[in-house]
N, C-alpha and C. Protein backbone atom coordinates (compact mmCIF):
# COMPACT_ATOMS: atom_id res chain seq x y z
N LEU A 1 147.15 71.14 40.08
CA LEU A 1 145.80 70.99 40.06
C LEU A 1 145.41 70.31 41.34
N MET A 2 144.21 70.58 41.62
CA MET A 2 143.72 69.92 42.91
C MET A 2 143.51 68.28 42.84
N ILE A 3 143.15 67.95 41.73
CA ILE A 3 142.96 66.35 41.37
C ILE A 3 144.26 65.77 41.55
N ASP A 4 145.31 66.45 41.00
CA ASP A 4 146.57 65.70 41.19
C ASP A 4 146.99 65.62 42.59
N GLU A 5 146.61 66.76 43.35
CA GLU A 5 147.15 66.70 44.91
C GLU A 5 146.38 65.71 45.65
N LEU A 6 145.01 65.38 45.22
CA LEU A 6 144.22 64.35 45.90
C LEU A 6 144.81 62.94 45.38
N ARG A 7 145.06 62.77 44.21
CA ARG A 7 145.78 61.54 43.70
C ARG A 7 147.01 61.30 44.45
N GLN A 8 147.79 62.32 44.49
CA GLN A 8 149.07 62.13 45.18
C GLN A 8 149.00 61.69 46.54
N GLU A 9 148.00 62.32 47.43
CA GLU A 9 147.77 61.89 48.80
C GLU A 9 147.21 60.48 48.88
N GLN A 10 146.21 60.19 47.93
CA GLN A 10 145.76 58.73 47.90
C GLN A 10 146.67 57.71 47.51
N ALA A 11 147.62 58.01 46.52
CA ALA A 11 148.67 57.20 46.25
C ALA A 11 149.68 56.86 47.28
N SER A 12 150.03 57.82 48.00
CA SER A 12 150.88 57.69 49.15
C SER A 12 150.31 56.74 50.26
N ALA A 13 148.95 57.00 50.53
CA ALA A 13 148.30 56.22 51.63
C ALA A 13 148.03 54.75 50.93
N LEU A 14 147.72 54.58 49.74
CA LEU A 14 147.51 53.09 49.11
C LEU A 14 148.93 52.41 49.07
N LEU A 15 149.91 53.14 48.75
CA LEU A 15 151.21 52.50 48.72
C LEU A 15 151.66 51.99 49.98
N ALA A 16 151.18 52.55 51.21
CA ALA A 16 151.54 52.16 52.53
C ALA A 16 150.94 50.66 52.76
N ASP A 17 149.97 50.27 51.97
CA ASP A 17 149.30 49.06 52.13
C ASP A 17 150.00 47.99 51.32
N PRO A 18 150.84 47.08 51.99
CA PRO A 18 151.54 46.20 51.19
C PRO A 18 150.83 45.05 50.52
N SER A 19 149.44 44.92 50.87
CA SER A 19 148.73 43.94 50.29
C SER A 19 148.28 44.23 48.91
N LEU A 20 148.39 45.67 48.57
CA LEU A 20 148.02 46.07 47.26
C LEU A 20 149.34 46.18 46.37
N SER A 21 149.20 45.67 45.06
CA SER A 21 150.33 45.80 44.05
C SER A 21 150.33 47.20 43.70
N ILE A 22 151.43 47.66 43.17
CA ILE A 22 151.38 49.06 42.62
C ILE A 22 150.56 49.08 41.51
N SER A 23 150.32 48.08 40.54
CA SER A 23 149.39 48.24 39.52
C SER A 23 147.94 48.46 40.07
N GLN A 24 147.72 47.74 41.23
CA GLN A 24 146.33 47.78 41.80
C GLN A 24 146.21 49.31 42.31
N VAL A 25 147.22 49.87 42.98
CA VAL A 25 147.22 51.28 43.40
C VAL A 25 146.91 52.16 42.10
N ALA A 26 147.66 51.93 41.07
CA ALA A 26 147.34 52.83 39.86
C ALA A 26 146.00 52.69 39.52
N GLU A 27 145.41 51.57 39.38
CA GLU A 27 144.04 51.24 38.94
C GLU A 27 143.04 51.92 39.83
N LYS A 28 143.21 51.86 41.13
CA LYS A 28 142.36 52.48 42.09
C LYS A 28 142.23 54.08 41.88
N LEU A 29 143.46 54.56 41.41
CA LEU A 29 143.53 56.00 41.14
C LEU A 29 143.07 56.46 39.90
N GLY A 30 142.59 55.49 39.08
CA GLY A 30 142.04 55.75 37.88
C GLY A 30 142.96 55.83 36.57
N PHE A 31 144.32 55.30 36.88
CA PHE A 31 145.26 55.32 35.88
C PHE A 31 144.96 53.96 34.96
N THR A 32 144.81 54.08 33.66
CA THR A 32 144.66 52.95 32.84
C THR A 32 145.94 52.08 32.59
N GLU A 33 146.89 52.77 32.73
CA GLU A 33 148.21 52.08 32.51
C GLU A 33 149.32 52.38 33.60
N TYR A 34 150.06 51.44 34.04
CA TYR A 34 150.94 51.50 35.16
C TYR A 34 151.94 52.68 34.75
N SER A 35 152.37 52.69 33.50
CA SER A 35 153.36 53.61 33.04
C SER A 35 152.97 55.06 33.31
N SER A 36 151.70 55.42 33.17
CA SER A 36 151.17 56.64 33.37
C SER A 36 151.23 56.99 34.69
N PHE A 37 150.83 55.94 35.65
CA PHE A 37 150.86 56.23 37.08
C PHE A 37 152.37 56.46 37.57
N TYR A 38 153.29 55.65 37.00
CA TYR A 38 154.68 55.71 37.37
C TYR A 38 155.17 57.20 37.04
N ARG A 39 154.98 57.62 35.77
CA ARG A 39 155.32 58.94 35.47
C ARG A 39 154.82 60.07 36.46
N ALA A 40 153.52 60.04 36.63
CA ALA A 40 152.78 60.93 37.50
C ALA A 40 153.38 60.96 38.87
N PHE A 41 153.61 59.84 39.36
CA PHE A 41 153.98 59.66 40.92
C PHE A 41 155.52 60.35 40.95
N ARG A 42 156.25 59.93 39.93
CA ARG A 42 157.71 60.38 39.86
C ARG A 42 157.65 61.91 39.82
N GLN A 43 156.80 62.59 39.03
CA GLN A 43 156.65 63.88 38.95
C GLN A 43 156.22 64.54 40.26
N TRP A 44 155.28 64.05 40.89
CA TRP A 44 154.78 64.44 42.19
C TRP A 44 155.83 64.33 43.32
N THR A 45 156.57 63.30 43.42
CA THR A 45 157.35 62.99 44.48
C THR A 45 158.84 62.97 44.31
N GLY A 46 159.34 62.86 43.06
CA GLY A 46 160.78 62.71 42.77
C GLY A 46 161.27 61.30 42.87
N SER A 47 160.37 60.24 43.20
CA SER A 47 160.81 58.94 43.34
C SER A 47 159.76 58.09 42.70
N SER A 48 160.15 56.78 42.54
CA SER A 48 159.32 55.86 41.79
C SER A 48 158.29 55.36 42.91
N PRO A 49 157.15 54.80 42.59
CA PRO A 49 156.16 54.17 43.44
C PRO A 49 156.90 53.14 44.29
N ARG A 50 157.78 52.27 43.77
CA ARG A 50 158.50 51.13 44.34
C ARG A 50 159.40 51.76 45.39
N ALA A 51 160.15 52.76 45.00
CA ALA A 51 161.20 53.31 45.88
C ALA A 51 160.48 53.87 47.25
N PHE A 52 159.31 54.66 46.97
CA PHE A 52 158.54 55.30 47.80
C PHE A 52 158.01 54.12 48.84
N ARG A 53 157.61 53.07 48.35
CA ARG A 53 157.14 51.99 49.19
C ARG A 53 158.27 51.51 50.11
N ARG A 54 159.35 51.36 49.43
CA ARG A 54 160.54 50.79 50.30
C ARG A 54 160.84 51.76 51.47
N THR A 55 160.83 53.00 51.32
CA THR A 55 161.09 54.03 52.26
C THR A 55 160.08 53.85 53.43
N LEU A 56 158.84 53.44 53.08
CA LEU A 56 157.77 53.32 54.09
C LEU A 56 157.97 52.14 54.83
N ALA A 57 158.63 51.10 54.31
CA ALA A 57 158.81 49.85 54.87
C ALA A 57 160.12 49.72 55.74
N ALA A 58 161.03 50.65 55.44
CA ALA A 58 162.35 50.67 56.13
C ALA A 58 162.24 51.10 57.59
N PRO A 59 162.78 50.50 58.50
CA PRO A 59 162.80 50.97 59.83
C PRO A 59 163.44 52.40 59.90
N SER A 60 162.83 53.09 60.88
CA SER A 60 163.47 54.45 61.04
C SER A 60 164.90 54.31 61.55
N GLN A 61 165.64 55.32 61.21
CA GLN A 61 166.96 55.33 61.73
C GLN A 61 167.18 56.20 62.96
N GLY A 62 167.37 55.72 64.00
CA GLY A 62 167.47 56.34 65.34
C GLY A 62 166.09 56.50 65.98
N SER A 63 166.22 57.05 67.15
CA SER A 63 164.97 57.16 67.95
C SER A 63 164.76 58.64 68.33
N LEU A 64 163.55 59.05 68.49
CA LEU A 64 163.31 60.47 68.99
C LEU A 64 163.25 60.53 70.30
N ASP A 65 163.10 59.38 71.04
CA ASP A 65 163.02 59.44 72.51
C ASP A 65 164.25 59.75 73.20
């Protein structure tokens, strides 16, 4: 569904902002419960929101230069 695609894109962008809690991200996306957001995000990406956020914060391995 197109709405799910938009929510997934927005979730990824919002999770990149460390000033927002994962619960706040879920709320901004219209989820009334964290658990609903967690399940949806896991279905979309195959990882939890917390694990996704950790991969964003991790320094890249190696350089492309």
